[in-house]
């Protein structure tokens, strides 16, 4: 079975005692030392913050747990590079084909965050069953949040015809509303309702509303 996917883990300070006498420091020396500590702290925090976001992208939990609405009616689905997706050429129905997509930012480009990562799949329309929101599919396309509802990993694998979370093995059936069929997850991946719009760029895939449930471990 072939597929296509696109994208899409403490500081200590020792205290020491000394018998040496204290040497008074000038105001200039204190100012210079305090400034150096401030700059070092800012640089270190920035480096740790950047590392933390990258580290969390594919692991349990998330640093990106904002509550903002990612999709609204009319938000276009785009790839990682910000290119709009058309129904005609994004995916095939002949195979278990899937790809990562993202909401288009205002003014263009992709909102590439863990929380925004969305799985786009396509199946023959007659394969969908409840509890899939069939009215929220479009020309065989269906979309779900990629964030596992167990501990927030990204659902990046597959097992047979089901989606599989690589962290703890939760399984979801994408033709049945991404309902849980195995593993520790207790809730389906939320579906993103889709529509089609004619545009100068072709027949575009867009959201017709927000995700139909909380993302990942959010309540």
N, C-alpha and C. Protein backbone atom coordinates (compact mmCIF):
# COMPACT_ATOMS: atom_id res chain seq x y z
N UNK A 1 0.86 -1.20 0.00
CA UNK A 1 0.00 0.00 0.00
C UNK A 1 0.88 1.23 0.00
N UNK A 2 0.66 2.05 -1.01
CA UNK A 2 1.47 3.26 -1.08
C UNK A 2 0.74 4.41 -0.47
N UNK A 3 1.45 5.41 -0.12
CA UNK A 3 0.83 6.56 0.53
C UNK A 3 1.69 7.77 0.27
N UNK A 4 1.11 8.92 0.49
CA UNK A 4 1.89 10.13 0.43
C UNK A 4 1.65 10.90 1.69
N UNK A 5 2.71 11.28 2.34
CA UNK A 5 2.60 12.11 3.53
C UNK A 5 3.53 13.28 3.40
N UNK A 6 3.14 14.38 3.93
CA UNK A 6 4.03 15.53 4.00
C UNK A 6 4.02 16.01 5.43
N UNK A 7 4.98 16.51 5.60
CA UNK A 7 4.96 17.04 6.91
C UNK A 7 3.92 18.17 6.90
N UNK A 8 5.02 15.72 8.31
CA UNK A 8 4.66 16.57 9.13
C UNK A 8 4.57 15.27 9.67
N UNK A 9 11.08 16.41 21.91
CA UNK A 9 11.20 15.48 22.36
C UNK A 9 11.72 16.30 23.55
N UNK A 10 17.81 21.78 33.66
CA UNK A 10 17.65 22.59 34.84
C UNK A 10 18.95 23.25 35.14
N UNK A 11 18.67 24.19 35.24
CA UNK A 11 19.92 24.87 35.57
C UNK A 11 20.21 24.67 37.05
N UNK A 12 21.48 24.46 37.41
CA UNK A 12 21.87 24.36 38.81
C UNK A 12 22.97 25.36 39.07
N UNK A 13 22.97 25.81 40.28
CA UNK A 13 24.00 26.77 40.66
C UNK A 13 24.55 26.35 42.01
N UNK A 14 25.84 26.01 42.06
CA UNK A 14 26.44 25.54 43.31
C UNK A 14 26.70 26.70 44.25
N UNK A 15 26.46 26.43 45.53
CA UNK A 15 26.79 27.41 46.56
C UNK A 15 28.12 27.03 47.19
N UNK A 16 29.02 27.95 47.31
CA UNK A 16 30.33 27.68 47.90
C UNK A 16 30.60 28.67 49.03
N UNK A 17 31.31 28.18 50.07
CA UNK A 17 31.69 29.04 51.19
C UNK A 17 33.16 29.42 51.05
N UNK A 18 33.51 30.61 51.48
CA UNK A 18 34.90 31.06 51.41
C UNK A 18 35.20 31.94 52.60
N UNK A 19 36.45 31.87 53.04
CA UNK A 19 36.88 32.71 54.16
C UNK A 19 37.49 34.02 53.68
N UNK A 20 37.55 34.20 52.37
CA UNK A 20 38.16 35.42 51.85
C UNK A 20 37.28 36.60 52.19
N UNK A 21 37.88 37.72 52.52
CA UNK A 21 37.08 38.91 52.87
C UNK A 21 36.35 39.45 51.65
N UNK A 22 35.20 40.06 51.92
CA UNK A 22 34.44 40.70 50.85
C UNK A 22 35.18 41.94 50.37
N UNK A 23 35.24 42.10 49.05
CA UNK A 23 35.87 43.27 48.46
C UNK A 23 34.79 44.16 47.87
N UNK A 24 34.66 45.36 48.36
CA UNK A 24 33.62 46.23 47.82
C UNK A 24 33.78 46.41 46.32
N UNK A 25 32.61 46.43 45.63
CA UNK A 25 32.60 46.64 44.19
C UNK A 25 32.06 48.02 43.88
N UNK A 26 32.62 48.60 42.83
CA UNK A 26 32.16 49.93 42.43
C UNK A 26 30.81 49.80 41.76
N UNK A 27 30.12 50.93 41.69
CA UNK A 27 28.82 50.95 41.00
C UNK A 27 28.97 50.54 39.55
N UNK A 28 30.07 50.95 38.88
CA UNK A 28 30.28 50.59 37.47
C UNK A 28 30.43 49.09 37.31
N UNK A 29 31.19 48.46 38.22
CA UNK A 29 31.37 47.02 38.15
C UNK A 29 30.04 46.29 38.33
N UNK A 30 29.25 46.73 39.28
CA UNK A 30 27.95 46.10 39.52
C UNK A 30 27.04 46.25 38.32
N UNK A 31 27.04 47.42 37.72
CA UNK A 31 26.20 47.67 36.56
C UNK A 31 26.59 46.75 35.41
N UNK A 32 27.93 46.65 35.16
CA UNK A 32 28.38 45.80 34.06
C UNK A 32 28.01 44.34 34.31
N UNK A 33 28.20 43.88 35.55
CA UNK A 33 27.89 42.48 35.84
C UNK A 33 26.39 42.20 35.73
N UNK A 34 25.57 43.07 36.21
CA UNK A 34 24.13 42.88 36.13
C UNK A 34 23.65 42.86 34.68
N UNK A 35 24.24 43.76 33.87
CA UNK A 35 23.87 43.80 32.46
C UNK A 35 24.26 42.51 31.76
N UNK A 36 25.45 42.00 32.07
CA UNK A 36 25.91 40.75 31.45
C UNK A 36 24.98 39.60 31.82
N UNK A 37 24.57 39.54 33.10
CA UNK A 37 23.65 38.48 33.52
C UNK A 37 22.31 38.60 32.82
N UNK A 38 21.83 39.82 32.65
CA UNK A 38 20.54 40.04 31.98
C UNK A 38 20.59 39.56 30.54
N UNK A 39 21.65 39.94 29.81
CA UNK A 39 21.76 39.53 28.41
C UNK A 39 21.91 38.03 28.28
N UNK A 40 22.68 37.43 29.17
CA UNK A 40 22.85 35.98 29.13
C UNK A 40 21.52 35.27 29.40
N UNK A 41 20.74 35.82 30.31
CA UNK A 41 19.45 35.20 30.62
C UNK A 41 18.50 35.29 29.46
N UNK A 42 18.47 36.43 28.78
CA UNK A 42 17.59 36.59 27.62
C UNK A 42 17.98 35.62 26.53
N UNK A 43 19.27 35.53 26.25
CA UNK A 43 19.74 34.62 25.20
C UNK A 43 19.42 33.18 25.53
N UNK A 44 19.63 32.79 26.78
CA UNK A 44 19.37 31.41 27.18
C UNK A 44 17.89 31.08 27.11
N UNK A 45 17.04 32.01 27.53
CA UNK A 45 15.60 31.76 27.48
C UNK A 45 15.13 31.60 26.05
N UNK A 46 15.66 32.41 25.15
CA UNK A 46 15.27 32.30 23.75
C UNK A 46 15.67 30.96 23.17
N UNK A 47 16.89 30.53 23.50
CA UNK A 47 17.36 29.24 22.97
C UNK A 47 16.53 28.10 23.53
N UNK A 48 16.24 28.13 24.83
CA UNK A 48 15.45 27.07 25.43
C UNK A 48 14.04 27.06 24.88
N UNK A 49 13.46 28.24 24.68
CA UNK A 49 12.11 28.32 24.14
C UNK A 49 12.02 27.74 22.75
N UNK A 50 12.99 28.08 21.89
CA UNK A 50 12.98 27.56 20.54
C UNK A 50 13.13 26.05 20.53
N UNK A 51 14.06 25.54 21.36
CA UNK A 51 14.26 24.10 21.44
C UNK A 51 13.01 23.41 21.95
N UNK A 52 12.35 24.03 22.94
CA UNK A 52 11.18 23.40 23.53
C UNK A 52 10.05 23.23 22.53
N UNK A 53 9.82 24.24 21.70
CA UNK A 53 8.76 24.15 20.71
C UNK A 53 9.06 23.03 19.72
N UNK A 54 10.29 22.97 19.20
CA UNK A 54 10.65 21.92 18.26
C UNK A 54 10.55 20.55 18.93
N UNK A 55 11.00 20.46 20.19
CA UNK A 55 11.01 19.20 20.90
C UNK A 55 9.61 18.65 21.09
N UNK A 56 8.66 19.55 21.34
CA UNK A 56 7.30 19.11 21.64
C UNK A 56 6.50 18.77 20.39
N UNK A 57 7.01 19.12 19.22
CA UNK A 57 6.20 18.99 18.02
C UNK A 57 5.72 17.58 17.75
N UNK A 58 6.53 16.57 18.06
CA UNK A 58 6.11 15.22 17.77
C UNK A 58 6.02 14.33 18.98
N UNK A 59 6.00 14.90 20.17
CA UNK A 59 6.01 14.14 21.39
C UNK A 59 4.75 14.41 22.21
N UNK A 60 4.52 13.61 23.25
CA UNK A 60 3.34 13.85 24.08
C UNK A 60 3.31 15.27 24.62
N UNK A 61 2.11 15.78 24.77
CA UNK A 61 1.95 17.14 25.28
C UNK A 61 2.22 18.16 24.19
N UNK A 62 2.09 19.41 24.54
CA UNK A 62 2.30 20.46 23.56
C UNK A 62 2.56 21.77 24.25
N UNK A 63 3.47 22.56 23.69
CA UNK A 63 3.67 23.92 24.18
C UNK A 63 2.74 24.89 23.48
N UNK A 64 2.10 24.40 22.43
CA UNK A 64 1.23 25.25 21.63
C UNK A 64 -0.21 24.88 21.93
N UNK A 65 -0.74 25.41 23.03
CA UNK A 65 -2.08 25.04 23.46
C UNK A 65 -3.00 26.24 23.47
N UNK A 66 -2.80 27.14 22.52
CA UNK A 66 -3.65 28.32 22.45
C UNK A 66 -5.09 27.95 22.17
N UNK A 67 -6.00 28.80 22.55
CA UNK A 67 -7.42 28.51 22.39
C UNK A 67 -8.02 29.24 21.20
N UNK A 68 -7.17 29.87 20.39
CA UNK A 68 -7.71 30.60 19.25
C UNK A 68 -8.34 29.65 18.24
N UNK A 69 -9.33 30.14 17.51
CA UNK A 69 -9.96 29.35 16.47
C UNK A 69 -9.03 29.27 15.27
N UNK A 70 -8.69 28.06 14.88
CA UNK A 70 -7.74 27.88 13.77
C UNK A 70 -8.43 28.02 12.42
N UNK A 71 -9.63 27.49 12.34
CA UNK A 71 -10.39 27.54 11.09
C UNK A 71 -11.74 28.22 11.33
N UNK A 72 -12.16 28.99 10.37
CA UNK A 72 -13.51 29.53 10.34
C UNK A 72 -14.07 29.23 8.96
N UNK A 73 -15.32 29.52 8.78
CA UNK A 73 -15.92 29.28 7.47
C UNK A 73 -15.17 30.06 6.39
N UNK A 74 -14.71 29.37 5.38
CA UNK A 74 -14.00 29.99 4.28
C UNK A 74 -12.49 29.94 4.37
N UNK A 75 -11.93 29.45 5.49
CA UNK A 75 -10.47 29.33 5.59
C UNK A 75 -9.97 28.30 4.58
N UNK A 76 -9.02 28.70 3.77
CA UNK A 76 -8.49 27.78 2.78
C UNK A 76 -7.48 26.83 3.41
N UNK A 77 -7.47 25.60 2.91
CA UNK A 77 -6.47 24.62 3.32
C UNK A 77 -5.25 24.78 2.43
N UNK A 78 -4.07 24.84 3.05
CA UNK A 78 -2.83 25.03 2.28
C UNK A 78 -1.81 24.00 2.74
N UNK A 79 -0.80 23.79 1.88
CA UNK A 79 0.28 22.90 2.29
C UNK A 79 1.28 23.67 3.15
N UNK A 80 2.35 23.01 3.55
CA UNK A 80 3.32 23.63 4.46
C UNK A 80 3.93 24.90 3.89
N UNK A 81 4.01 24.96 2.56
CA UNK A 81 4.59 26.13 1.90
C UNK A 81 3.57 27.23 1.62
N UNK A 82 2.32 27.00 2.02
CA UNK A 82 1.30 28.02 1.84
C UNK A 82 0.55 27.94 0.52
N UNK A 83 0.75 26.86 -0.23
CA UNK A 83 0.06 26.72 -1.51
C UNK A 83 -1.36 26.20 -1.30
N UNK A 84 -2.37 26.87 -1.87
CA UNK A 84 -3.74 26.38 -1.74
C UNK A 84 -3.89 25.01 -2.39
N UNK A 85 -4.80 24.20 -1.84
CA UNK A 85 -5.00 22.85 -2.33
C UNK A 85 -6.29 22.78 -3.15
N UNK A 86 -6.21 22.13 -4.29
CA UNK A 86 -7.38 21.96 -5.14
C UNK A 86 -7.89 20.54 -5.06
N UNK A 87 -9.19 20.37 -5.17
CA UNK A 87 -9.79 19.05 -5.08
C UNK A 87 -9.33 18.14 -6.20
N UNK A 88 -8.95 18.72 -7.31
CA UNK A 88 -8.61 17.90 -8.48
C UNK A 88 -7.28 17.18 -8.32
N UNK A 89 -6.32 17.79 -7.64
CA UNK A 89 -4.98 17.20 -7.68
C UNK A 89 -4.33 16.97 -6.33
N UNK A 90 -5.03 17.19 -5.23
CA UNK A 90 -4.38 17.03 -3.92
C UNK A 90 -4.12 15.56 -3.60
N UNK A 91 -5.15 14.73 -3.66
CA UNK A 91 -5.02 13.32 -3.30
C UNK A 91 -5.85 12.45 -4.24
N UNK A 92 -5.52 11.18 -4.24
CA UNK A 92 -6.25 10.19 -5.04
C UNK A 92 -7.16 9.37 -4.14
N UNK A 93 -8.25 8.84 -4.70
CA UNK A 93 -9.12 7.93 -3.94
C UNK A 93 -8.71 6.48 -4.11
N UNK A 94 -7.74 6.22 -4.96
CA UNK A 94 -7.38 4.84 -5.29
C UNK A 94 -6.53 4.19 -4.21
N UNK A 95 -5.92 4.96 -3.34
CA UNK A 95 -5.01 4.43 -2.33
C UNK A 95 -5.31 5.10 -1.00
N UNK A 96 -4.68 4.55 0.07
CA UNK A 96 -4.78 5.20 1.39
C UNK A 96 -3.84 6.40 1.33
N UNK A 97 -4.34 7.50 0.81
CA UNK A 97 -3.53 8.67 0.54
C UNK A 97 -3.84 9.73 1.57
N UNK A 98 -2.81 10.34 2.14
CA UNK A 98 -3.03 11.36 3.14
C UNK A 98 -1.89 12.36 3.10
N UNK A 99 -2.15 13.55 3.63
CA UNK A 99 -1.12 14.58 3.70
C UNK A 99 -1.44 15.55 4.83
N UNK A 100 -0.40 16.24 5.31
CA UNK A 100 -0.57 17.28 6.32
C UNK A 100 -0.96 18.58 5.64
N UNK A 101 -1.97 19.24 6.16
CA UNK A 101 -2.38 20.55 5.65
C UNK A 101 -2.54 21.49 6.84
N UNK A 102 -2.69 22.76 6.52
CA UNK A 102 -2.73 23.79 7.56
C UNK A 102 -3.72 24.88 7.17
N UNK A 103 -4.21 25.65 8.14
CA UNK A 103 -5.05 26.79 7.79
C UNK A 103 -4.21 27.91 7.18
N UNK A 104 -4.78 28.58 6.21
CA UNK A 104 -4.10 29.71 5.61
C UNK A 104 -4.18 30.91 6.55
N UNK A 105 -3.06 31.57 6.75
CA UNK A 105 -3.04 32.76 7.59
C UNK A 105 -3.64 33.95 6.85
N UNK A 106 -4.13 34.90 7.60
CA UNK A 106 -4.62 36.12 6.99
C UNK A 106 -3.47 36.80 6.26
N UNK A 107 -3.64 37.07 5.02
CA UNK A 107 -2.60 37.68 4.22
C UNK A 107 -1.76 36.66 3.46
N UNK A 108 -2.04 35.35 3.68
CA UNK A 108 -1.33 34.31 2.95
C UNK A 108 -0.32 33.58 3.78
N UNK A 109 0.06 32.40 3.32
CA UNK A 109 1.01 31.56 4.05
C UNK A 109 0.30 30.57 4.94
N UNK A 110 1.05 29.60 5.43
CA UNK A 110 0.49 28.54 6.26
C UNK A 110 0.75 28.79 7.74
N UNK A 111 -0.25 28.53 8.57
CA UNK A 111 -0.08 28.57 10.02
C UNK A 111 0.44 27.20 10.44
N UNK A 112 1.76 27.07 10.47
CA UNK A 112 2.39 25.77 10.74
C UNK A 112 2.71 25.68 12.23
N UNK A 113 1.80 25.10 12.98
CA UNK A 113 2.02 24.81 14.40
C UNK A 113 1.52 23.39 14.64
N UNK A 114 1.92 22.83 15.77
CA UNK A 114 1.45 21.49 16.10
C UNK A 114 -0.06 21.46 16.20
N UNK A 115 -0.62 22.42 16.90
CA UNK A 115 -2.07 22.43 17.13
C UNK A 115 -2.85 22.59 15.83
N UNK A 116 -2.26 23.27 14.85
CA UNK A 116 -2.96 23.51 13.60
C UNK A 116 -2.81 22.38 12.59
N UNK A 117 -1.90 21.44 12.86
CA UNK A 117 -1.64 20.39 11.88
C UNK A 117 -2.89 19.53 11.67
N UNK A 118 -3.27 19.40 10.42
CA UNK A 118 -4.51 18.74 10.03
C UNK A 118 -4.22 17.63 9.04
N UNK A 119 -4.85 16.49 9.22
CA UNK A 119 -4.71 15.37 8.30
C UNK A 119 -5.80 15.45 7.24
N UNK A 120 -5.39 15.49 6.00
CA UNK A 120 -6.33 15.45 4.88
C UNK A 120 -6.24 14.07 4.24
N UNK A 121 -7.38 13.42 4.07
CA UNK A 121 -7.44 12.10 3.46
C UNK A 121 -8.53 12.08 2.40
N UNK A 122 -8.49 11.04 1.57
CA UNK A 122 -9.52 10.93 0.55
C UNK A 122 -9.88 9.46 0.33
N UNK A 123 -11.17 9.20 0.33
CA UNK A 123 -11.70 7.85 0.10
C UNK A 123 -12.89 7.96 -0.86
N UNK A 124 -13.27 6.86 -1.49
CA UNK A 124 -14.53 6.87 -2.24
C UNK A 124 -15.66 7.30 -1.33
N UNK A 125 -16.55 8.11 -1.83
CA UNK A 125 -17.58 8.71 -0.98
C UNK A 125 -18.48 7.69 -0.31
N UNK A 126 -18.69 6.53 -0.94
CA UNK A 126 -19.59 5.54 -0.36
C UNK A 126 -18.94 4.73 0.76
N UNK A 127 -17.68 4.98 1.07
CA UNK A 127 -17.00 4.27 2.16
C UNK A 127 -17.22 4.93 3.52
N UNK A 128 -17.71 6.15 3.53
CA UNK A 128 -17.90 6.84 4.81
C UNK A 128 -19.15 6.34 5.52
N UNK A 129 -19.02 6.15 6.83
CA UNK A 129 -20.12 5.72 7.67
C UNK A 129 -20.19 6.61 8.90
N UNK A 130 -21.32 6.54 9.59
CA UNK A 130 -21.46 7.25 10.86
C UNK A 130 -20.43 6.69 11.84
N UNK A 131 -19.87 7.55 12.70
CA UNK A 131 -20.29 8.92 13.01
C UNK A 131 -19.60 10.00 12.17
N UNK A 132 -19.05 9.66 11.01
CA UNK A 132 -18.50 10.71 10.14
C UNK A 132 -19.58 11.73 9.83
N UNK A 133 -19.21 13.00 9.89
CA UNK A 133 -20.10 14.05 9.39
C UNK A 133 -19.97 14.05 7.87
N UNK A 134 -20.82 13.28 7.21
CA UNK A 134 -20.69 13.09 5.77
C UNK A 134 -20.92 14.40 5.02
N UNK A 135 -21.76 15.27 5.56
CA UNK A 135 -21.95 16.58 4.94
C UNK A 135 -20.69 17.43 5.05
N UNK A 136 -19.80 17.06 5.95
CA UNK A 136 -18.54 17.77 6.11
C UNK A 136 -17.41 17.19 5.29
N UNK A 137 -17.73 16.22 4.43
CA UNK A 137 -16.75 15.73 3.46
C UNK A 137 -17.02 16.43 2.13
N UNK A 138 -16.03 16.39 1.24
CA UNK A 138 -16.18 17.08 -0.05
C UNK A 138 -15.43 16.31 -1.13
N UNK A 139 -16.17 15.79 -2.10
CA UNK A 139 -15.56 15.02 -3.20
C UNK A 139 -14.66 13.91 -2.69
N UNK A 140 -15.07 13.27 -1.61
CA UNK A 140 -14.31 12.19 -1.03
C UNK A 140 -13.26 12.61 -0.02
N UNK A 141 -13.03 13.89 0.12
CA UNK A 141 -12.04 14.40 1.08
C UNK A 141 -12.64 14.47 2.48
N UNK A 142 -11.80 14.15 3.46
CA UNK A 142 -12.15 14.32 4.86
C UNK A 142 -10.91 14.83 5.58
N UNK A 143 -11.12 15.60 6.63
CA UNK A 143 -9.99 16.18 7.37
C UNK A 143 -10.22 16.04 8.87
N UNK A 144 -9.14 15.72 9.58
CA UNK A 144 -9.18 15.57 11.03
C UNK A 144 -7.97 16.27 11.64
N UNK A 145 -8.08 16.66 12.89
CA UNK A 145 -6.90 17.11 13.62
C UNK A 145 -5.91 15.96 13.69
N UNK A 146 -4.63 16.28 13.56
CA UNK A 146 -3.59 15.25 13.63
C UNK A 146 -3.11 15.01 15.05
N UNK A 147 -3.60 15.77 16.02
CA UNK A 147 -3.12 15.68 17.40
C UNK A 147 -3.90 14.61 18.15
N UNK A 148 -3.19 13.57 18.59
CA UNK A 148 -3.82 12.45 19.28
C UNK A 148 -4.53 12.93 20.54
N UNK A 149 -5.70 12.37 20.80
CA UNK A 149 -6.49 12.79 21.96
C UNK A 149 -6.05 12.10 23.25
N UNK A 150 -5.05 11.22 23.16
CA UNK A 150 -4.56 10.55 24.36
C UNK A 150 -3.58 11.44 25.12
N UNK A 151 -2.40 11.69 24.49
CA UNK A 151 -1.41 12.53 25.15
C UNK A 151 -0.82 13.59 24.23
N UNK A 152 -1.46 13.84 23.09
CA UNK A 152 -1.05 14.96 22.27
C UNK A 152 0.05 14.71 21.27
N UNK A 153 0.39 13.46 21.01
CA UNK A 153 1.36 13.18 19.94
C UNK A 153 0.71 13.45 18.58
N UNK A 154 1.52 13.49 17.54
CA UNK A 154 0.98 13.61 16.19
C UNK A 154 0.73 12.22 15.61
N UNK A 155 -0.47 12.02 15.10
CA UNK A 155 -0.86 10.73 14.56
C UNK A 155 -0.25 10.60 13.17
N UNK A 156 0.92 9.98 13.11
CA UNK A 156 1.70 10.01 11.88
C UNK A 156 1.74 8.67 11.14
N UNK A 157 1.23 7.61 11.76
CA UNK A 157 1.35 6.30 11.14
C UNK A 157 0.02 5.74 10.69
N UNK A 158 0.07 4.50 10.21
CA UNK A 158 -1.15 3.82 9.81
C UNK A 158 -0.98 2.33 10.07
N UNK A 159 -2.09 1.68 10.25
CA UNK A 159 -2.10 0.24 10.46
C UNK A 159 -3.29 -0.30 9.70
N UNK A 160 -3.03 -0.98 8.60
CA UNK A 160 -4.11 -1.38 7.73
C UNK A 160 -4.80 -0.16 7.17
N UNK A 161 -6.09 -0.07 7.39
CA UNK A 161 -6.85 1.08 6.90
C UNK A 161 -7.12 2.11 7.98
N UNK A 162 -6.37 2.01 9.09
CA UNK A 162 -6.61 2.91 10.21
C UNK A 162 -5.40 3.79 10.46
N UNK A 163 -5.64 4.93 11.08
CA UNK A 163 -4.58 5.83 11.49
C UNK A 163 -4.03 5.36 12.83
N UNK A 164 -2.71 5.44 12.99
CA UNK A 164 -2.08 4.94 14.21
C UNK A 164 -1.17 6.00 14.82
N UNK A 165 -1.34 6.23 16.11
CA UNK A 165 -0.44 7.13 16.83
C UNK A 165 0.82 6.36 17.19
N UNK A 166 2.01 6.87 16.86
CA UNK A 166 3.24 6.13 17.11
C UNK A 166 3.66 6.10 18.57
N UNK A 167 3.10 6.95 19.40
CA UNK A 167 3.54 7.02 20.80
C UNK A 167 3.01 5.86 21.64
N UNK A 168 1.69 5.64 21.62
CA UNK A 168 1.09 4.62 22.47
C UNK A 168 0.12 3.71 21.73
N UNK A 169 0.11 3.83 20.41
CA UNK A 169 -0.63 2.87 19.61
C UNK A 169 -2.12 3.08 19.47
N UNK A 170 -2.63 4.26 19.78
CA UNK A 170 -4.06 4.50 19.57
C UNK A 170 -4.39 4.40 18.08
N UNK A 171 -5.54 3.79 17.77
CA UNK A 171 -5.97 3.59 16.39
C UNK A 171 -7.27 4.34 16.15
N UNK A 172 -7.38 4.93 14.96
CA UNK A 172 -8.57 5.70 14.59
C UNK A 172 -9.02 5.27 13.19
N UNK A 173 -10.32 5.14 13.00
CA UNK A 173 -10.87 4.78 11.69
C UNK A 173 -11.30 6.05 10.96
N UNK A 174 -10.59 6.45 9.90
CA UNK A 174 -10.91 7.71 9.23
C UNK A 174 -12.19 7.69 8.42
N UNK A 175 -12.73 6.51 8.13
CA UNK A 175 -14.00 6.45 7.41
C UNK A 175 -15.19 6.40 8.36
N UNK A 176 -14.92 6.36 9.66
CA UNK A 176 -15.99 6.36 10.66
C UNK A 176 -15.76 7.47 11.68
N UNK A 177 -15.54 8.66 11.16
CA UNK A 177 -15.40 9.82 12.03
C UNK A 177 -14.15 9.81 12.87
N UNK A 178 -13.10 9.08 12.44
CA UNK A 178 -11.86 8.93 13.21
C UNK A 178 -12.15 8.43 14.61
N UNK A 179 -13.16 7.55 14.73
CA UNK A 179 -13.50 6.96 16.02
C UNK A 179 -12.38 6.03 16.47
N UNK A 180 -12.23 5.86 17.77
CA UNK A 180 -11.16 5.05 18.34
C UNK A 180 -11.50 3.57 18.18
N UNK A 181 -10.56 2.81 17.61
CA UNK A 181 -10.76 1.37 17.45
C UNK A 181 -9.75 0.55 18.25
N UNK A 182 -8.79 1.20 18.89
CA UNK A 182 -7.80 0.48 19.68
C UNK A 182 -6.88 1.45 20.39
N UNK A 183 -6.17 0.95 21.41
CA UNK A 183 -5.23 1.79 22.14
C UNK A 183 -5.90 2.60 23.23
N UNK A 184 -5.12 3.45 23.90
CA UNK A 184 -5.60 4.14 25.10
C UNK A 184 -6.45 5.39 24.87
N UNK A 185 -6.50 5.91 23.65
CA UNK A 185 -7.29 7.13 23.43
C UNK A 185 -8.76 6.85 23.73
N UNK A 186 -9.44 7.84 24.28
CA UNK A 186 -10.85 7.66 24.66
C UNK A 186 -11.80 8.51 23.83
N UNK A 187 -11.24 9.25 22.88
CA UNK A 187 -12.08 10.16 22.10
C UNK A 187 -11.58 10.24 20.67
N UNK A 188 -12.49 10.40 19.74
CA UNK A 188 -12.14 10.49 18.32
C UNK A 188 -11.34 11.74 18.02
N UNK A 189 -10.61 11.69 16.91
CA UNK A 189 -9.98 12.92 16.41
C UNK A 189 -11.09 13.83 15.90
N UNK A 190 -11.07 15.11 16.24
CA UNK A 190 -12.13 16.00 15.77
C UNK A 190 -12.06 16.22 14.26
N UNK A 191 -13.21 16.18 13.64
CA UNK A 191 -13.29 16.37 12.19
C UNK A 191 -13.36 17.85 11.85
N UNK A 192 -12.75 18.21 10.72
CA UNK A 192 -12.85 19.56 10.19
C UNK A 192 -13.79 19.52 8.99
N UNK A 193 -14.93 20.20 9.04
CA UNK A 193 -15.85 20.16 7.91
C UNK A 193 -15.28 20.89 6.69
N UNK A 194 -15.45 20.27 5.53
CA UNK A 194 -14.84 20.78 4.30
C UNK A 194 -15.89 21.19 3.28
N UNK A 195 -15.45 22.07 2.38
CA UNK A 195 -16.26 22.47 1.25
C UNK A 195 -15.37 22.73 0.06
N UNK A 196 -16.00 23.03 -1.07
CA UNK A 196 -15.29 23.30 -2.32
C UNK A 196 -15.69 24.69 -2.80
N UNK A 197 -14.72 25.45 -3.29
CA UNK A 197 -15.01 26.78 -3.83
C UNK A 197 -14.27 26.95 -5.14
N UNK A 198 -14.96 27.47 -6.13
CA UNK A 198 -14.31 27.80 -7.41
C UNK A 198 -13.57 29.11 -7.25
N UNK A 199 -12.33 29.14 -7.73
CA UNK A 199 -11.47 30.29 -7.57
C UNK A 199 -10.57 30.36 -8.79
N UNK A 200 -9.88 31.48 -8.95
CA UNK A 200 -8.95 31.60 -10.07
C UNK A 200 -7.83 30.58 -9.99
N UNK A 201 -7.57 30.06 -8.77
CA UNK A 201 -6.55 29.03 -8.62
C UNK A 201 -7.09 27.62 -8.86
N UNK A 202 -8.38 27.49 -9.15
CA UNK A 202 -8.98 26.19 -9.36
C UNK A 202 -10.07 25.92 -8.35
N UNK A 203 -10.45 24.66 -8.23
CA UNK A 203 -11.48 24.26 -7.28
C UNK A 203 -10.83 24.02 -5.93
N UNK A 204 -10.95 24.97 -5.04
CA UNK A 204 -10.17 24.98 -3.81
C UNK A 204 -10.88 24.25 -2.67
N UNK A 205 -10.07 23.61 -1.83
CA UNK A 205 -10.57 23.02 -0.60
C UNK A 205 -10.54 24.06 0.51
N UNK A 206 -11.64 24.16 1.23
CA UNK A 206 -11.69 25.13 2.34
C UNK A 206 -12.52 24.56 3.47
N UNK A 207 -12.35 25.15 4.64
CA UNK A 207 -13.14 24.75 5.81
C UNK A 207 -14.49 25.45 5.76
N UNK A 208 -15.50 24.77 6.23
CA UNK A 208 -16.82 25.40 6.34
C UNK A 208 -17.15 25.74 7.79
N UNK A 209 -16.17 25.55 8.67
CA UNK A 209 -16.34 25.86 10.08
C UNK A 209 -15.13 25.37 10.85
N UNK A 210 -15.14 25.50 12.17
CA UNK A 210 -14.01 25.05 12.98
C UNK A 210 -14.04 23.54 13.19
N UNK A 211 -13.00 23.00 13.86
CA UNK A 211 -13.02 21.60 14.24
C UNK A 211 -14.26 21.30 15.07
N UNK A 212 -14.81 20.11 14.87
CA UNK A 212 -16.06 19.75 15.54
C UNK A 212 -15.82 19.08 16.90
N UNK A 213 -14.82 19.53 17.60
CA UNK A 213 -14.51 18.99 18.91
C UNK A 213 -13.18 19.55 19.38
N UNK A 214 -12.83 19.32 20.64
CA UNK A 214 -11.57 19.83 21.17
C UNK A 214 -10.37 19.12 20.55
N UNK A 215 -9.29 19.86 20.41
CA UNK A 215 -8.07 19.34 19.78
C UNK A 215 -7.20 18.65 20.82
N UNK A 216 -6.70 17.47 20.49
CA UNK A 216 -5.77 16.77 21.36
C UNK A 216 -6.33 16.53 22.75
N UNK A 217 -5.54 16.92 23.77
CA UNK A 217 -5.94 16.69 25.15
C UNK A 217 -6.76 17.84 25.72
N UNK A 218 -7.07 18.83 24.89
CA UNK A 218 -7.90 19.94 25.36
C UNK A 218 -9.30 19.44 25.70
N UNK A 219 -9.93 20.11 26.64
CA UNK A 219 -11.29 19.74 27.05
C UNK A 219 -12.29 20.78 26.57
